[in-house]
Structures are given as structure tokens and as C-alpha cells.
Amino acid sequence: MEIFFLTKPPRSDRTELCLRLLQSSNDAAIYLAGDGIYNLLEDSLKALPPERIMVCKEDMQARGVAAREGVAVPDDFYERLVEDLMREGNRVYTF
């Protein structure tokens, strides 16, 4: 599995690169934190199954953004990220 960790807002150069790489992946999960949370408001992630999108609950609440149905909002976001990196991540991309 390829893991993408996105902390940049929509329409930034880094976000656009992340989304292009994400679209070319056959087996990917994306973790959204910081300003990356705002990508939930865009259509760019709709092609990805919602269960492959993980969102930092604290960052989402701080920015007043709601997750769409099916998106994972774990209480242990960073612990889960590290576990997936160690267990599943044959490639990890951070933006």
C-alpha cells in the first residue's frame, strides 16, 4: 500500500502533486492533517473510497470542517498512521 500524508490546503502545488500521485496509485490511503483537512471540501478526493481517507479529528474540529460519510476519523490518528507506515507502507509520500 502507498500512504500519502497531506498537510497542505487545496490548490497548493504540493497538494496538486500529491493528488496526481494518488490518482496513479492502485492501492493507496491518504491521511489528512493540518490544512490538509480542507481537501475534504474539494471534489478531488471523491474518486478515492472513503474508507481509504483518514482524518485527524482535532484538526478537523479546529477548522470547523465535517467529514463526509464513510471517512475514517479515528481518535488515535497519529498512532494509526505510524502503525500503517510500519505494517503497510511500502511507499510513503508526505506533503
PDB file of N, CA and C in Angstrom:
ATOM      1  N   MET A   1       0.834  -1.178   0.000  1.00  0.00           N
ATOM      2  CA  MET A   1       0.000   0.000   0.000  1.00  0.00           C
ATOM      3  C   MET A   1       0.883   1.246   0.000  1.00  0.00           C
ATOM      4  N   GLU A   2       0.449   2.249  -0.726  1.00  0.00           N
ATOM      5  CA  GLU A   2       1.123   3.540  -0.713  1.00  0.00           C
ATOM      6  C   GLU A   2       0.357   4.455   0.241  1.00  0.00           C
ATOM      7  N   ILE A   3       1.091   5.125   1.103  1.00  0.00           N
ATOM      8  CA  ILE A   3       0.480   6.001   2.094  1.00  0.00           C
ATOM      9  C   ILE A   3       0.849   7.443   1.774  1.00  0.00           C
ATOM     10  N   PHE A   4      -0.173   8.291   1.731  1.00  0.00           N
ATOM     11  CA  PHE A   4       0.004   9.711   1.465  1.00  0.00           C
ATOM     12  C   PHE A   4      -0.387  10.482   2.724  1.00  0.00           C
ATOM     13  N   PHE A   5       0.484  11.379   3.172  1.00  0.00           N
ATOM     14  CA  PHE A   5       0.226  12.210   4.348  1.00  0.00           C
ATOM     15  C   PHE A   5       0.195  13.656   3.877  1.00  0.00           C
ATOM     16  N   LEU A   6      -0.993  14.238   3.851  1.00  0.00           N
ATOM     17  CA  LEU A   6      -1.183  15.563   3.259  1.00  0.00           C
ATOM     18  C   LEU A   6      -1.531  16.591   4.328  1.00  0.00           C
ATOM     19  N   THR A   7      -0.709  17.633   4.423  1.00  0.00           N
ATOM     20  CA  THR A   7      -0.943  18.718   5.381  1.00  0.00           C
ATOM     21  C   THR A   7      -1.128  20.065   4.688  1.00  0.00           C
ATOM     22  N   LYS A   8      -1.177  20.074   3.384  1.00  0.00           N
ATOM     23  CA  LYS A   8      -1.284  21.319   2.611  1.00  0.00           C
ATOM     24  C   LYS A   8      -2.727  21.555   2.165  1.00  0.00           C
ATOM     25  N   PRO A   9      -3.129  22.832   2.019  1.00  0.00           N
ATOM     26  CA  PRO A   9      -4.501  23.140   1.600  1.00  0.00           C
ATOM     27  C   PRO A   9      -4.712  22.854   0.111  1.00  0.00           C
ATOM     28  N   PRO A  10      -5.975  22.818  -0.314  1.00  0.00           N
ATOM     29  CA  PRO A  10      -6.275  22.608  -1.733  1.00  0.00           C
ATOM     30  C   PRO A  10      -5.604  23.665  -2.608  1.00  0.00           C
ATOM     31  N   ARG A  11      -5.324  23.272  -3.814  1.00  0.00           N
ATOM     32  CA  ARG A  11      -4.753  24.125  -4.854  1.00  0.00           C
ATOM     33  C   ARG A  11      -3.323  24.591  -4.587  1.00  0.00           C
ATOM     34  N   SER A  12      -2.669  24.057  -3.576  1.00  0.00           N
ATOM     35  CA  SER A  12      -1.239  24.350  -3.436  1.00  0.00           C
ATOM     36  C   SER A  12      -0.486  23.418  -4.386  1.00  0.00           C
ATOM     37  N   ASP A  13       0.705  23.801  -4.775  1.00  0.00           N
ATOM     38  CA  ASP A  13       1.495  22.966  -5.686  1.00  0.00           C
ATOM     39  C   ASP A  13       1.732  21.581  -5.101  1.00  0.00           C
ATOM     40  N   ARG A  14       2.016  21.520  -3.805  1.00  0.00           N
ATOM     41  CA  ARG A  14       2.288  20.233  -3.153  1.00  0.00           C
ATOM     42  C   ARG A  14       1.034  19.353  -3.136  1.00  0.00           C
ATOM     43  N   THR A  15      -0.120  19.963  -2.910  1.00  0.00           N
ATOM     44  CA  THR A  15      -1.372  19.200  -2.913  1.00  0.00           C
ATOM     45  C   THR A  15      -1.667  18.660  -4.300  1.00  0.00           C
ATOM     46  N   GLU A  16      -1.475  19.475  -5.310  1.00  0.00           N
ATOM     47  CA  GLU A  16      -1.729  19.019  -6.679  1.00  0.00           C
ATOM     48  C   GLU A  16      -0.816  17.861  -7.056  1.00  0.00           C
ATOM     49  N   LEU A  17       0.441  17.917  -6.644  1.00  0.00           N
ATOM     50  CA  LEU A  17       1.363  16.806  -6.886  1.00  0.00           C
ATOM     51  C   LEU A  17       0.899  15.564  -6.140  1.00  0.00           C
ATOM     52  N   CYS A  18       0.514  15.727  -4.885  1.00  0.00           N
ATOM     53  CA  CYS A  18       0.017  14.601  -4.089  1.00  0.00           C
ATOM     54  C   CYS A  18      -1.179  13.946  -4.766  1.00  0.00           C
ATOM     55  N   LEU A  19      -2.122  14.740  -5.222  1.00  0.00           N
ATOM     56  CA  LEU A  19      -3.332  14.194  -5.840  1.00  0.00           C
ATOM     57  C   LEU A  19      -3.045  13.498  -7.162  1.00  0.00           C
ATOM     58  N   ARG A  20      -2.090  14.014  -7.922  1.00  0.00           N
ATOM     59  CA  ARG A  20      -1.704  13.325  -9.175  1.00  0.00           C
ATOM     60  C   ARG A  20      -1.099  11.960  -8.863  1.00  0.00           C
ATOM     61  N   LEU A  21      -0.215  11.902  -7.880  1.00  0.00           N
ATOM     62  CA  LEU A  21       0.384  10.618  -7.494  1.00  0.00           C
ATOM     63  C   LEU A  21      -0.675   9.673  -6.935  1.00  0.00           C
ATOM     64  N   LEU A  22      -1.587  10.209  -6.163  1.00  0.00           N
ATOM     65  CA  LEU A  22      -2.659   9.412  -5.574  1.00  0.00           C
ATOM     66  C   LEU A  22      -3.531   8.784  -6.654  1.00  0.00           C
ATOM     67  N   GLN A  23      -3.846   9.543  -7.686  1.00  0.00           N
ATOM     68  CA  GLN A  23      -4.681   9.034  -8.778  1.00  0.00           C
ATOM     69  C   GLN A  23      -3.989   7.937  -9.574  1.00  0.00           C
ATOM     70  N   SER A  24      -2.671   7.963  -9.611  1.00  0.00           N
ATOM     71  CA  SER A  24      -1.947   6.944 -10.372  1.00  0.00           C
ATOM     72  C   SER A  24      -1.679   5.685  -9.558  1.00  0.00           C
ATOM     73  N   SER A  25      -2.047   5.699  -8.297  1.00  0.00           N
ATOM     74  CA  SER A  25      -1.811   4.548  -7.426  1.00  0.00           C
ATOM     75  C   SER A  25      -2.983   3.572  -7.483  1.00  0.00           C
ATOM     76  N   ASN A  26      -2.665   2.288  -7.435  1.00  0.00           N
ATOM     77  CA  ASN A  26      -3.702   1.251  -7.409  1.00  0.00           C
ATOM     78  C   ASN A  26      -4.132   0.892  -6.001  1.00  0.00           C
ATOM     79  N   ASP A  27      -3.270   1.158  -5.028  1.00  0.00           N
ATOM     80  CA  ASP A  27      -3.544   0.770  -3.645  1.00  0.00           C
ATOM     81  C   ASP A  27      -3.012   1.864  -2.731  1.00  0.00           C
ATOM     82  N   ALA A  28      -3.877   2.822  -2.397  1.00  0.00           N
ATOM     83  CA  ALA A  28      -3.421   3.982  -1.634  1.00  0.00           C
ATOM     84  C   ALA A  28      -4.379   4.310  -0.501  1.00  0.00           C
ATOM     85  N   ALA A  29      -3.814   4.939   0.519  1.00  0.00           N
ATOM     86  CA  ALA A  29      -4.588   5.525   1.611  1.00  0.00           C
ATOM     87  C   ALA A  29      -4.035   6.920   1.829  1.00  0.00           C
ATOM     88  N   ILE A  30      -4.914   7.848   2.184  1.00  0.00           N
ATOM     89  CA  ILE A  30      -4.463   9.211   2.432  1.00  0.00           C
ATOM     90  C   ILE A  30      -4.839   9.626   3.853  1.00  0.00           C
ATOM     91  N   TYR A  31      -3.880  10.239   4.506  1.00  0.00           N
ATOM     92  CA  TYR A  31      -4.066  10.779   5.849  1.00  0.00           C
ATOM     93  C   TYR A  31      -4.049  12.292   5.737  1.00  0.00           C
ATOM     94  N   LEU A  32      -5.096  12.934   6.254  1.00  0.00           N
ATOM     95  CA  LEU A  32      -5.212  14.389   6.184  1.00  0.00           C
ATOM     96  C   LEU A  32      -5.045  14.989   7.572  1.00  0.00           C
ATOM     97  N   ALA A  33      -4.147  15.968   7.676  1.00  0.00           N
ATOM     98  CA  ALA A  33      -3.919  16.668   8.937  1.00  0.00           C
ATOM     99  C   ALA A  33      -3.613  18.127   8.626  1.00  0.00           C
ATOM    100  N   GLY A  34      -3.645  18.970   9.651  1.00  0.00           N
ATOM    101  CA  GLY A  34      -3.355  20.383   9.449  1.00  0.00           C
ATOM    102  C   GLY A  34      -4.291  20.974   8.407  1.00  0.00           C
ATOM    103  N   ASP A  35      -3.755  21.835   7.548  1.00  0.00           N
ATOM    104  CA  ASP A  35      -4.572  22.447   6.495  1.00  0.00           C
ATOM    105  C   ASP A  35      -4.977  21.451   5.415  1.00  0.00           C
ATOM    106  N   GLY A  36      -4.409  20.253   5.437  1.00  0.00           N
ATOM    107  CA  GLY A  36      -4.824  19.207   4.511  1.00  0.00           C
ATOM    108  C   GLY A  36      -6.279  18.816   4.706  1.00  0.00           C
ATOM    109  N   ILE A  37      -6.828  19.118   5.885  1.00  0.00           N
ATOM    110  CA  ILE A  37      -8.229  18.847   6.193  1.00  0.00           C
ATOM    111  C   ILE A  37      -9.155  19.524   5.181  1.00  0.00           C
ATOM    112  N   TYR A  38      -8.763  20.697   4.710  1.00  0.00           N
ATOM    113  CA  TYR A  38      -9.619  21.441   3.778  1.00  0.00           C
ATOM    114  C   TYR A  38      -9.835  20.703   2.460  1.00  0.00           C
ATOM    115  N   ASN A  39      -9.026  19.706   2.177  1.00  0.00           N
ATOM    116  CA  ASN A  39      -9.224  18.913   0.963  1.00  0.00           C
ATOM    117  C   ASN A  39     -10.509  18.100   1.020  1.00  0.00           C
ATOM    118  N   LEU A  40     -11.074  17.923   2.211  1.00  0.00           N
ATOM    119  CA  LEU A  40     -12.369  17.252   2.329  1.00  0.00           C
ATOM    120  C   LEU A  40     -13.483  18.063   1.666  1.00  0.00           C
ATOM    121  N   LEU A  41     -13.272  19.361   1.536  1.00  0.00           N
ATOM    122  CA  LEU A  41     -14.283  20.237   0.945  1.00  0.00           C
ATOM    123  C   LEU A  41     -14.230  20.247  -0.578  1.00  0.00           C
ATOM    124  N   GLU A  42     -13.205  19.638  -1.144  1.00  0.00           N
ATOM    125  CA  GLU A  42     -12.999  19.629  -2.595  1.00  0.00           C
ATOM    126  C   GLU A  42     -13.486  18.304  -3.188  1.00  0.00           C
ATOM    127  N   ASP A  43     -13.696  18.291  -4.479  1.00  0.00           N
ATOM    128  CA  ASP A  43     -14.115  17.072  -5.177  1.00  0.00           C
ATOM    129  C   ASP A  43     -12.951  16.142  -5.494  1.00  0.00           C
ATOM    130  N   SER A  44     -11.736  16.611  -5.299  1.00  0.00           N
ATOM    131  CA  SER A  44     -10.555  15.860  -5.730  1.00  0.00           C
ATOM    132  C   SER A  44     -10.393  14.509  -5.035  1.00  0.00           C
ATOM    133  N   LEU A  45     -10.939  14.337  -3.845  1.00  0.00           N
ATOM    134  CA  LEU A  45     -10.799  13.066  -3.125  1.00  0.00           C
ATOM    135  C   LEU A  45     -11.992  12.138  -3.321  1.00  0.00           C
ATOM    136  N   LYS A  46     -12.983  12.570  -4.052  1.00  0.00           N
ATOM    137  CA  LYS A  46     -14.201  11.764  -4.200  1.00  0.00           C
ATOM    138  C   LYS A  46     -13.977  10.467  -4.960  1.00  0.00           C
ATOM    139  N   ALA A  47     -12.931  10.389  -5.770  1.00  0.00           N
ATOM    140  CA  ALA A  47     -12.648   9.160  -6.516  1.00  0.00           C
ATOM    141  C   ALA A  47     -12.090   8.071  -5.603  1.00  0.00           C
ATOM    142  N   LEU A  48     -11.543   8.470  -4.477  1.00  0.00           N
ATOM    143  CA  LEU A  48     -10.954   7.518  -3.532  1.00  0.00           C
ATOM    144  C   LEU A  48     -12.053   6.978  -2.616  1.00  0.00           C
ATOM    145  N   PRO A  49     -12.076   5.663  -2.384  1.00  0.00           N
ATOM    146  CA  PRO A  49     -13.078   5.123  -1.457  1.00  0.00           C
ATOM    147  C   PRO A  49     -12.946   5.807  -0.092  1.00  0.00           C
ATOM    148  N   PRO A  50     -14.054   6.216   0.518  1.00  0.00           N
ATOM    149  CA  PRO A  50     -13.972   6.970   1.768  1.00  0.00           C
ATOM    150  C   PRO A  50     -13.245   6.230   2.890  1.00  0.00           C
ATOM    151  N   GLU A  51     -13.295   4.908   2.881  1.00  0.00           N
ATOM    152  CA  GLU A  51     -12.601   4.161   3.940  1.00  0.00           C
ATOM    153  C   GLU A  51     -11.082   4.233   3.800  1.00  0.00           C
ATOM    154  N   ARG A  52     -10.590   4.754   2.685  1.00  0.00           N
ATOM    155  CA  ARG A  52      -9.146   4.936   2.473  1.00  0.00           C
ATOM    156  C   ARG A  52      -8.691   6.345   2.849  1.00  0.00           C
ATOM    157  N   ILE A  53      -9.624   7.152   3.384  1.00  0.00           N
ATOM    158  CA  ILE A  53      -9.303   8.517   3.799  1.00  0.00           C
ATOM    159  C   ILE A  53      -9.359   8.576   5.321  1.00  0.00           C
ATOM    160  N   MET A  54      -8.240   8.940   5.933  1.00  0.00           N
ATOM    161  CA  MET A  54      -8.151   9.086   7.386  1.00  0.00           C
ATOM    162  C   MET A  54      -7.977  10.566   7.709  1.00  0.00           C
ATOM    163  N   VAL A  55      -8.705  11.041   8.708  1.00  0.00           N
ATOM    164  CA  VAL A  55      -8.697  12.462   9.029  1.00  0.00           C
ATOM    165  C   VAL A  55      -8.377  12.665  10.505  1.00  0.00           C
ATOM    166  N   CYS A  56      -7.522  13.637  10.784  1.00  0.00           N
ATOM    167  CA  CYS A  56      -7.196  13.984  12.165  1.00  0.00           C
ATOM    168  C   CYS A  56      -8.385  14.730  12.775  1.00  0.00           C
ATOM    169  N   LYS A  57      -8.997  14.129  13.781  1.00  0.00           N
ATOM    170  CA  LYS A  57     -10.203  14.680  14.394  1.00  0.00           C
ATOM    171  C   LYS A  57      -9.969  16.070  14.991  1.00  0.00           C
ATOM    172  N   GLU A  58      -8.865  16.245  15.693  1.00  0.00           N
ATOM    173  CA  GLU A  58      -8.585  17.532  16.333  1.00  0.00           C
ATOM    174  C   GLU A  58      -8.411  18.651  15.299  1.00  0.00           C
ATOM    175  N   ASP A  59      -7.709  18.349  14.206  1.00  0.00           N
ATOM    176  CA  ASP A  59      -7.509  19.354  13.157  1.00  0.00           C
ATOM    177  C   ASP A  59      -8.821  19.662  12.440  1.00  0.00           C
ATOM    178  N   MET A  60      -9.640  18.653  12.253  1.00  0.00           N
ATOM    179  CA  MET A  60     -10.931  18.839  11.608  1.00  0.00           C
ATOM    180  C   MET A  60     -11.834  19.721  12.480  1.00  0.00           C
ATOM    181  N   GLN A  61     -11.874  19.443  13.768  1.00  0.00           N
ATOM    182  CA  GLN A  61     -12.696  20.233  14.684  1.00  0.00           C
ATOM    183  C   GLN A  61     -12.185  21.667  14.794  1.00  0.00           C
ATOM    184  N   ALA A  62     -10.870  21.837  14.848  1.00  0.00           N
ATOM    185  CA  ALA A  62     -10.284  23.176  14.969  1.00  0.00           C
ATOM    186  C   ALA A  62     -10.618  24.052  13.767  1.00  0.00           C
ATOM    187  N   ARG A  63     -10.810  23.430  12.604  1.00  0.00           N
ATOM    188  CA  ARG A  63     -11.090  24.182  11.381  1.00  0.00           C
ATOM    189  C   ARG A  63     -12.573  24.206  11.029  1.00  0.00           C
ATOM    190  N   GLY A  64     -13.391  23.554  11.838  1.00  0.00           N
ATOM    191  CA  GLY A  64     -14.829  23.561  11.597  1.00  0.00           C
ATOM    192  C   GLY A  64     -15.245  22.829  10.342  1.00  0.00           C
ATOM    193  N   VAL A  65     -14.508  21.789   9.992  1.00  0.00           N
ATOM    194  CA  VAL A  65     -14.789  21.009   8.787  1.00  0.00           C
ATOM    195  C   VAL A  65     -15.403  19.676   9.203  1.00  0.00           C
ATOM    196  N   ALA A  66     -16.411  19.240   8.476  1.00  0.00           N
ATOM    197  CA  ALA A  66     -17.047  17.952   8.749  1.00  0.00           C
ATOM    198  C   ALA A  66     -16.584  16.925   7.724  1.00  0.00           C
ATOM    199  N   ALA A  67     -16.409  15.702   8.177  1.00  0.00           N
ATOM    200  CA  ALA A  67     -16.019  14.606   7.280  1.00  0.00           C
ATOM    201  C   ALA A  67     -17.253  14.096   6.552  1.00  0.00           C
ATOM    202  N   ARG A  68     -17.053  13.704   5.302  1.00  0.00           N
ATOM    203  CA  ARG A  68     -18.179  13.118   4.581  1.00  0.00           C
ATOM    204  C   ARG A  68     -18.387  11.687   5.063  1.00  0.00           C
ATOM    205  N   GLU A  69     -19.513  11.136   4.725  1.00  0.00           N
ATOM    206  CA  GLU A  69     -19.883   9.802   5.178  1.00  0.00           C
ATOM    207  C   GLU A  69     -18.851   8.763   4.758  1.00  0.00           C
ATOM    208  N   GLY A  70     -18.485   7.901   5.695  1.00  0.00           N
ATOM    209  CA  GLY A  70     -17.564   6.809   5.417  1.00  0.00           C
ATOM    210  C   GLY A  70     -16.105   7.125   5.658  1.00  0.00           C
ATOM    211  N   VAL A  71     -15.760   8.408   5.761  1.00  0.00           N
ATOM    212  CA  VAL A  71     -14.369   8.799   6.003  1.00  0.00           C
ATOM    213  C   VAL A  71     -14.016   8.461   7.446  1.00  0.00           C
ATOM    214  N   ALA A  72     -12.843   7.875   7.651  1.00  0.00           N
ATOM    215  CA  ALA A  72     -12.417   7.474   8.993  1.00  0.00           C
ATOM    216  C   ALA A  72     -11.869   8.672   9.761  1.00  0.00           C
ATOM    217  N   VAL A  73     -12.381   8.849  10.976  1.00  0.00           N
ATOM    218  CA  VAL A  73     -11.911   9.910  11.868  1.00  0.00           C
ATOM    219  C   VAL A  73     -11.529   9.243  13.190  1.00  0.00           C
ATOM    220  N   PRO A  74     -10.381   8.565  13.215  1.00  0.00           N
ATOM    221  CA  PRO A  74     -10.003   7.818  14.419  1.00  0.00           C
ATOM    222  C   PRO A  74      -9.545   8.737  15.550  1.00  0.00           C
ATOM    223  N   ASP A  75      -9.803   8.307  16.786  1.00  0.00           N
ATOM    224  CA  ASP A  75      -9.323   9.046  17.957  1.00  0.00           C
ATOM    225  C   ASP A  75      -7.805   8.985  18.058  1.00  0.00           C
ATOM    226  N   ASP A  76      -7.236   7.921  17.528  1.00  0.00           N
ATOM    227  CA  ASP A  76      -5.786   7.691  17.612  1.00  0.00           C
ATOM    228  C   ASP A  76      -5.134   7.877  16.238  1.00  0.00           C
ATOM    229  N   PHE A  77      -5.396   9.006  15.599  1.00  0.00           N
ATOM    230  CA  PHE A  77      -4.964   9.275  14.226  1.00  0.00           C
ATOM    231  C   PHE A  77      -3.473   9.010  14.022  1.00  0.00           C
ATOM    232  N   TYR A  78      -2.632   9.640  14.835  1.00  0.00           N
ATOM    233  CA  TYR A  78      -1.186   9.523  14.616  1.00  0.00           C
ATOM    234  C   TYR A  78      -0.665   8.131  14.962  1.00  0.00           C
ATOM    235  N   GLU A  79      -1.249   7.501  15.955  1.00  0.00           N
ATOM    236  CA  GLU A  79      -0.871   6.120  16.275  1.00  0.00           C
ATOM    237  C   GLU A  79      -1.210   5.199  15.101  1.00  0.00           C
ATOM    238  N   ARG A  80      -2.367   5.408  14.536  1.00  0.00           N
ATOM    239  CA  ARG A  80      -2.792   4.594  13.390  1.00  0.00           C
ATOM    240  C   ARG A  80      -1.910   4.847  12.168  1.00  0.00           C
ATOM    241  N   LEU A  81      -1.540   6.108  11.964  1.00  0.00           N
ATOM    242  CA  LEU A  81      -0.643   6.454  10.865  1.00  0.00           C
ATOM    243  C   LEU A  81       0.684   5.718  11.007  1.00  0.00           C
ATOM    244  N   VAL A  82       1.259   5.753  12.191  1.00  0.00           N
ATOM    245  CA  VAL A  82       2.545   5.079  12.420  1.00  0.00           C
ATOM    246  C   VAL A  82       2.401   3.572  12.237  1.00  0.00           C
ATOM    247  N   GLU A  83       1.318   2.996  12.741  1.00  0.00           N
ATOM    248  CA  GLU A  83       1.102   1.557  12.565  1.00  0.00           C
ATOM    249  C   GLU A  83       1.006   1.196  11.083  1.00  0.00           C
ATOM    250  N   ASP A  84       0.262   1.976  10.323  1.00  0.00           N
ATOM    251  CA  ASP A  84       0.146   1.707   8.886  1.00  0.00           C
ATOM    252  C   ASP A  84       1.479   1.902   8.171  1.00  0.00           C
ATOM    253  N   LEU A  85       2.235   2.907   8.590  1.00  0.00           N
ATOM    254  CA  LEU A  85       3.556   3.122   7.992  1.00  0.00           C
ATOM    255  C   LEU A  85       4.456   1.921   8.224  1.00  0.00           C
ATOM    256  N   MET A  86       4.420   1.379   9.427  1.00  0.00           N
ATOM    257  CA  MET A  86       5.286   0.251   9.770  1.00  0.00           C
ATOM    258  C   MET A  86       4.799  -1.054   9.144  1.00  0.00           C
ATOM    259  N   ARG A  87       3.495  -1.238   9.081  1.00  0.00           N
ATOM    260  CA  ARG A  87       2.936  -2.506   8.623  1.00  0.00           C
ATOM    261  C   ARG A  87       2.673  -2.520   7.120  1.00  0.00           C
ATOM    262  N   GLU A  88       2.086  -1.468   6.602  1.00  0.00           N
ATOM    263  CA  GLU A  88       1.575  -1.480   5.233  1.00  0.00           C
ATOM    264  C   GLU A  88       2.385  -0.655   4.246  1.00  0.00           C
ATOM    265  N   GLY A  89       3.083   0.335   4.740  1.00  0.00           N
ATOM    266  CA  GLY A  89       3.649   1.332   3.840  1.00  0.00           C
ATOM    267  C   GLY A  89       4.899   0.902   3.106  1.00  0.00           C
ATOM    268  N   ASN A  90       4.727   0.398   1.877  1.00  0.00           N
ATOM    269  CA  ASN A  90       5.916   0.118   1.080  1.00  0.00           C
ATOM    270  C   ASN A  90       6.427   1.398   0.430  1.00  0.00           C
ATOM    271  N   ARG A  91       5.547   2.400   0.324  1.00  0.00           N
ATOM    272  CA  ARG A  91       5.933   3.744  -0.128  1.00  0.00           C
ATOM    273  C   ARG A  91       5.139   4.754   0.676  1.00  0.00           C
ATOM    274  N   VAL A  92       5.829   5.774   1.133  1.00  0.00           N
ATOM    275  CA  VAL A  92       5.190   6.819   1.922  1.00  0.00           C
ATOM    276  C   VAL A  92       5.531   8.163   1.293  1.00  0.00           C
ATOM    277  N   TYR A  93       4.506   8.968   1.069  1.00  0.00           N
ATOM    278  CA  TYR A  93       4.684  10.300   0.496  1.00  0.00           C
ATOM    279  C   TYR A  93       4.140  11.318   1.489  1.00  0.00           C
ATOM    280  N   THR A  94       4.911  12.347   1.787  1.00  0.00           N
ATOM    281  CA  THR A  94       4.439  13.394   2.690  1.00  0.00           C
ATOM    282  C   THR A  94       4.428  14.731   1.969  1.00  0.00           C
ATOM    283  N   PHE A  95       3.352  15.449   2.167  1.00  0.00           N
ATOM    284  CA  PHE A  95       3.179  16.748   1.516  1.00  0.00           C
ATOM    285  C   PHE A  95       2.669  17.742   2.531  1.00  0.00           C
TER     286      PHE A  95
END
